[in-house]
Amino acid sequence: MVNFQAHPTIMMPLGFADLSRDFPGRVTDMLESALPPVTALYVQGSCGDVNFDARWNHASLCYTPAEAVGSEALRVAILAQPAGAPRGAFS
C-alpha cells in the first residue's frame, strides 16, 4: 500500500473526456512488476489543495513524479522487516 498526498492530476492535458490511471496507475504498475505476485494499492492522502507542478503535464515528463514515488516505495518495501509481537501497557 502506497500513500501519497497529491491529486492524481498530472495527465490533465488529455482532456476531461479521456480516461487515465494517471499517477496512481504508474506507481502500482511499478510495484506489481517488481514484486510479483503483489497487488499494489494506492491510497490518496489528505491532499487538500495539492496538485503536481504543471511542468510534469507533458507526455515526455508525466511519469517522472510517479517513478520517484514508486522507486521510494519499492526501496522501503524491500527493506521492511516484521515488527514482531505487539507490545502495550497491559501485556
N, C-alpha and C. Protein backbone atom coordinates (compact mmCIF):
# COMPACT_ATOMS: atom_id res chain seq x y z
N MET A 1 0.85 -1.17 0.00
CA MET A 1 0.00 0.00 0.00
C MET A 1 0.90 1.23 0.00
N VAL A 2 0.60 2.15 -0.89
CA VAL A 2 1.35 3.40 -1.00
C VAL A 2 0.39 4.55 -0.77
N ASN A 3 0.81 5.50 0.04
CA ASN A 3 0.02 6.69 0.32
C ASN A 3 0.84 7.90 -0.11
N PHE A 4 0.21 8.77 -0.89
CA PHE A 4 0.89 9.99 -1.30
C PHE A 4 -0.14 11.11 -1.34
N GLN A 5 0.25 12.26 -0.86
CA GLN A 5 -0.69 13.36 -0.68
C GLN A 5 -0.63 14.37 -1.81
N ALA A 6 -1.33 14.06 -2.89
CA ALA A 6 -1.49 14.99 -4.01
C ALA A 6 -2.60 14.47 -4.91
N HIS A 7 -3.29 15.37 -5.56
CA HIS A 7 -4.32 14.96 -6.51
C HIS A 7 -3.66 14.25 -7.69
N PRO A 8 -4.22 13.16 -8.16
CA PRO A 8 -3.66 12.48 -9.33
C PRO A 8 -4.10 13.18 -10.62
N THR A 9 -3.51 14.33 -10.87
CA THR A 9 -3.95 15.16 -12.00
C THR A 9 -2.82 15.52 -12.96
N ILE A 10 -1.81 14.69 -13.06
CA ILE A 10 -0.70 15.00 -13.96
C ILE A 10 -1.14 14.95 -15.41
N MET A 11 -2.02 14.04 -15.75
CA MET A 11 -2.42 13.85 -17.14
C MET A 11 -3.59 14.74 -17.57
N MET A 12 -3.80 15.85 -16.92
CA MET A 12 -4.89 16.76 -17.26
C MET A 12 -4.89 17.20 -18.73
N PRO A 13 -3.75 17.32 -19.40
CA PRO A 13 -3.79 17.72 -20.80
C PRO A 13 -4.52 16.73 -21.71
N LEU A 14 -4.79 15.52 -21.22
CA LEU A 14 -5.53 14.56 -22.04
C LEU A 14 -6.91 15.09 -22.40
N GLY A 15 -7.52 15.78 -21.47
CA GLY A 15 -8.87 16.29 -21.69
C GLY A 15 -9.84 15.66 -20.71
N PHE A 16 -10.93 16.34 -20.47
CA PHE A 16 -11.88 15.89 -19.46
C PHE A 16 -12.67 14.65 -19.88
N ALA A 17 -12.75 14.37 -21.16
CA ALA A 17 -13.49 13.20 -21.63
C ALA A 17 -12.62 11.95 -21.70
N ASP A 18 -11.32 12.09 -21.49
CA ASP A 18 -10.40 10.96 -21.56
C ASP A 18 -10.28 10.26 -20.22
N LEU A 19 -9.86 9.03 -20.25
CA LEU A 19 -9.71 8.22 -19.05
C LEU A 19 -8.24 7.86 -18.87
N SER A 20 -7.73 8.02 -17.65
CA SER A 20 -6.33 7.72 -17.37
C SER A 20 -6.19 7.21 -15.95
N ARG A 21 -5.27 6.31 -15.74
CA ARG A 21 -4.94 5.85 -14.39
C ARG A 21 -3.95 6.81 -13.75
N ASP A 22 -3.42 7.71 -14.53
CA ASP A 22 -2.57 8.81 -14.09
C ASP A 22 -1.46 8.31 -13.16
N PHE A 23 -1.11 9.12 -12.21
CA PHE A 23 -0.03 8.88 -11.25
C PHE A 23 -0.19 7.56 -10.49
N PRO A 24 -1.36 7.28 -9.88
CA PRO A 24 -1.51 6.02 -9.13
C PRO A 24 -1.31 4.78 -9.99
N GLY A 25 -1.74 4.82 -11.23
CA GLY A 25 -1.56 3.66 -12.11
C GLY A 25 -0.11 3.34 -12.36
N ARG A 26 0.68 4.35 -12.58
CA ARG A 26 2.11 4.14 -12.83
C ARG A 26 2.81 3.62 -11.58
N VAL A 27 2.48 4.16 -10.41
CA VAL A 27 3.09 3.70 -9.15
C VAL A 27 2.75 2.23 -8.91
N THR A 28 1.48 1.87 -9.02
CA THR A 28 1.10 0.48 -8.76
C THR A 28 1.68 -0.47 -9.80
N ASP A 29 1.76 -0.06 -11.06
CA ASP A 29 2.38 -0.90 -12.09
C ASP A 29 3.84 -1.19 -11.74
N MET A 30 4.56 -0.18 -11.29
CA MET A 30 5.97 -0.35 -10.93
C MET A 30 6.11 -1.38 -9.81
N LEU A 31 5.29 -1.26 -8.78
CA LEU A 31 5.40 -2.17 -7.64
C LEU A 31 5.00 -3.59 -8.01
N GLU A 32 3.93 -3.72 -8.77
CA GLU A 32 3.47 -5.06 -9.14
C GLU A 32 4.45 -5.77 -10.07
N SER A 33 5.12 -5.04 -10.95
CA SER A 33 6.09 -5.69 -11.83
C SER A 33 7.38 -6.05 -11.09
N ALA A 34 7.73 -5.29 -10.06
CA ALA A 34 8.96 -5.55 -9.31
C ALA A 34 8.77 -6.59 -8.21
N LEU A 35 7.53 -6.76 -7.73
CA LEU A 35 7.26 -7.64 -6.59
C LEU A 35 6.13 -8.64 -6.88
N PRO A 36 6.25 -9.47 -7.91
CA PRO A 36 5.16 -10.41 -8.15
C PRO A 36 5.07 -11.41 -7.00
N PRO A 37 3.95 -11.86 -6.58
CA PRO A 37 2.58 -11.65 -7.06
C PRO A 37 1.83 -10.57 -6.27
N VAL A 38 2.50 -9.52 -5.88
CA VAL A 38 1.90 -8.45 -5.09
C VAL A 38 0.80 -7.74 -5.88
N THR A 39 -0.27 -7.38 -5.19
CA THR A 39 -1.29 -6.48 -5.74
C THR A 39 -1.11 -5.17 -5.00
N ALA A 40 -0.63 -4.16 -5.69
CA ALA A 40 -0.34 -2.87 -5.07
C ALA A 40 -1.61 -2.04 -4.96
N LEU A 41 -1.67 -1.25 -3.91
CA LEU A 41 -2.81 -0.38 -3.66
C LEU A 41 -2.31 1.03 -3.40
N TYR A 42 -2.87 1.99 -4.12
CA TYR A 42 -2.53 3.40 -3.94
C TYR A 42 -3.66 4.05 -3.17
N VAL A 43 -3.32 4.76 -2.10
CA VAL A 43 -4.31 5.45 -1.30
C VAL A 43 -3.95 6.93 -1.29
N GLN A 44 -4.88 7.75 -1.76
CA GLN A 44 -4.62 9.19 -1.77
C GLN A 44 -4.72 9.73 -0.36
N GLY A 45 -3.71 10.47 0.05
CA GLY A 45 -3.71 11.06 1.38
C GLY A 45 -4.59 12.29 1.45
N SER A 46 -4.53 12.95 2.56
CA SER A 46 -5.33 14.16 2.77
C SER A 46 -4.68 15.31 2.01
N CYS A 47 -4.97 15.40 0.74
CA CYS A 47 -4.23 16.29 -0.14
C CYS A 47 -4.69 17.74 -0.09
N GLY A 48 -5.88 18.00 0.41
CA GLY A 48 -6.34 19.38 0.44
C GLY A 48 -6.34 19.99 -0.94
N ASP A 49 -5.50 20.96 -1.17
CA ASP A 49 -5.45 21.63 -2.46
C ASP A 49 -4.07 21.46 -3.10
N VAL A 50 -3.52 20.24 -3.03
CA VAL A 50 -2.17 19.98 -3.51
C VAL A 50 -2.23 19.31 -4.88
N ASN A 51 -1.66 19.95 -5.87
CA ASN A 51 -1.54 19.39 -7.21
C ASN A 51 -0.07 19.34 -7.58
N PHE A 52 0.24 18.49 -8.53
CA PHE A 52 1.60 18.44 -9.05
C PHE A 52 1.88 19.71 -9.84
N ASP A 53 3.13 20.10 -9.89
CA ASP A 53 3.54 21.26 -10.66
C ASP A 53 3.20 21.02 -12.13
N ALA A 54 2.76 22.03 -12.81
CA ALA A 54 2.33 21.92 -14.21
C ALA A 54 3.45 21.51 -15.16
N ARG A 55 4.70 21.62 -14.74
CA ARG A 55 5.81 21.24 -15.64
C ARG A 55 5.77 19.76 -15.99
N TRP A 56 5.10 18.94 -15.15
CA TRP A 56 5.01 17.49 -15.40
C TRP A 56 3.89 17.15 -16.38
N ASN A 57 3.06 18.11 -16.74
CA ASN A 57 1.91 17.87 -17.61
C ASN A 57 2.30 17.81 -19.09
N HIS A 58 3.28 17.01 -19.39
CA HIS A 58 3.73 16.82 -20.75
C HIS A 58 3.98 15.32 -20.94
N ALA A 59 3.66 14.80 -22.10
CA ALA A 59 3.76 13.36 -22.35
C ALA A 59 5.14 12.79 -22.05
N SER A 60 6.20 13.55 -22.28
CA SER A 60 7.55 13.03 -22.05
C SER A 60 7.98 13.12 -20.59
N LEU A 61 7.26 13.87 -19.75
CA LEU A 61 7.66 14.06 -18.36
C LEU A 61 6.65 13.54 -17.34
N CYS A 62 5.47 13.18 -17.78
CA CYS A 62 4.36 12.92 -16.86
C CYS A 62 4.61 11.78 -15.89
N TYR A 63 5.47 10.84 -16.22
CA TYR A 63 5.70 9.71 -15.32
C TYR A 63 6.84 9.96 -14.33
N THR A 64 7.56 11.05 -14.46
CA THR A 64 8.69 11.33 -13.58
C THR A 64 8.31 11.35 -12.10
N PRO A 65 7.27 12.07 -11.67
CA PRO A 65 6.90 12.05 -10.25
C PRO A 65 6.46 10.66 -9.78
N ALA A 66 5.71 9.94 -10.60
CA ALA A 66 5.26 8.59 -10.22
C ALA A 66 6.44 7.65 -10.06
N GLU A 67 7.42 7.77 -10.92
CA GLU A 67 8.59 6.90 -10.81
C GLU A 67 9.41 7.22 -9.57
N ALA A 68 9.45 8.47 -9.17
CA ALA A 68 10.15 8.83 -7.93
C ALA A 68 9.45 8.23 -6.71
N VAL A 69 8.13 8.37 -6.65
CA VAL A 69 7.37 7.80 -5.52
C VAL A 69 7.41 6.28 -5.57
N GLY A 70 7.23 5.70 -6.74
CA GLY A 70 7.26 4.24 -6.87
C GLY A 70 8.61 3.66 -6.49
N SER A 71 9.68 4.31 -6.89
CA SER A 71 11.03 3.83 -6.53
C SER A 71 11.27 3.87 -5.04
N GLU A 72 10.81 4.93 -4.40
CA GLU A 72 10.97 5.03 -2.94
C GLU A 72 10.11 3.99 -2.23
N ALA A 73 8.89 3.79 -2.69
CA ALA A 73 8.01 2.77 -2.09
C ALA A 73 8.63 1.38 -2.25
N LEU A 74 9.21 1.10 -3.40
CA LEU A 74 9.87 -0.19 -3.62
C LEU A 74 11.08 -0.34 -2.71
N ARG A 75 11.88 0.70 -2.58
CA ARG A 75 13.05 0.65 -1.70
C ARG A 75 12.63 0.33 -0.27
N VAL A 76 11.59 1.00 0.22
CA VAL A 76 11.12 0.78 1.59
C VAL A 76 10.53 -0.63 1.74
N ALA A 77 9.80 -1.10 0.73
CA ALA A 77 9.20 -2.43 0.79
C ALA A 77 10.28 -3.51 0.89
N ILE A 78 11.35 -3.34 0.15
CA ILE A 78 12.44 -4.32 0.16
C ILE A 78 13.15 -4.33 1.51
N LEU A 79 13.28 -3.18 2.13
CA LEU A 79 13.98 -3.08 3.42
C LEU A 79 13.10 -3.40 4.63
N ALA A 80 11.79 -3.48 4.43
CA ALA A 80 10.86 -3.67 5.55
C ALA A 80 11.12 -5.00 6.27
N GLN A 81 10.99 -4.97 7.58
CA GLN A 81 11.15 -6.14 8.43
C GLN A 81 9.89 -6.30 9.27
N PRO A 82 9.55 -7.53 9.64
CA PRO A 82 8.38 -7.73 10.53
C PRO A 82 8.58 -6.97 11.83
N ALA A 83 7.50 -6.45 12.37
CA ALA A 83 7.57 -5.64 13.59
C ALA A 83 7.70 -6.49 14.84
N GLY A 84 7.38 -7.75 14.77
CA GLY A 84 7.45 -8.60 15.95
C GLY A 84 6.13 -8.58 16.69
N ALA A 85 6.13 -9.18 17.86
CA ALA A 85 4.91 -9.29 18.66
C ALA A 85 4.47 -7.90 19.14
N PRO A 86 3.15 -7.64 19.11
CA PRO A 86 2.67 -6.36 19.61
C PRO A 86 2.97 -6.19 21.09
N ARG A 87 3.28 -4.98 21.49
CA ARG A 87 3.52 -4.68 22.90
C ARG A 87 2.62 -3.55 23.31
N GLY A 88 2.25 -3.56 24.55
CA GLY A 88 1.40 -2.49 25.06
C GLY A 88 1.55 -2.37 26.57
N ALA A 89 0.84 -1.44 27.14
CA ALA A 89 0.94 -1.19 28.58
C ALA A 89 0.42 -2.36 29.40
N PHE A 90 -0.48 -3.17 28.81
CA PHE A 90 -1.09 -4.24 29.57
C PHE A 90 -0.59 -5.62 29.20
N SER A 91 0.47 -5.71 28.41
CA SER A 91 0.95 -7.04 28.02
C SER A 91 2.00 -7.57 28.96
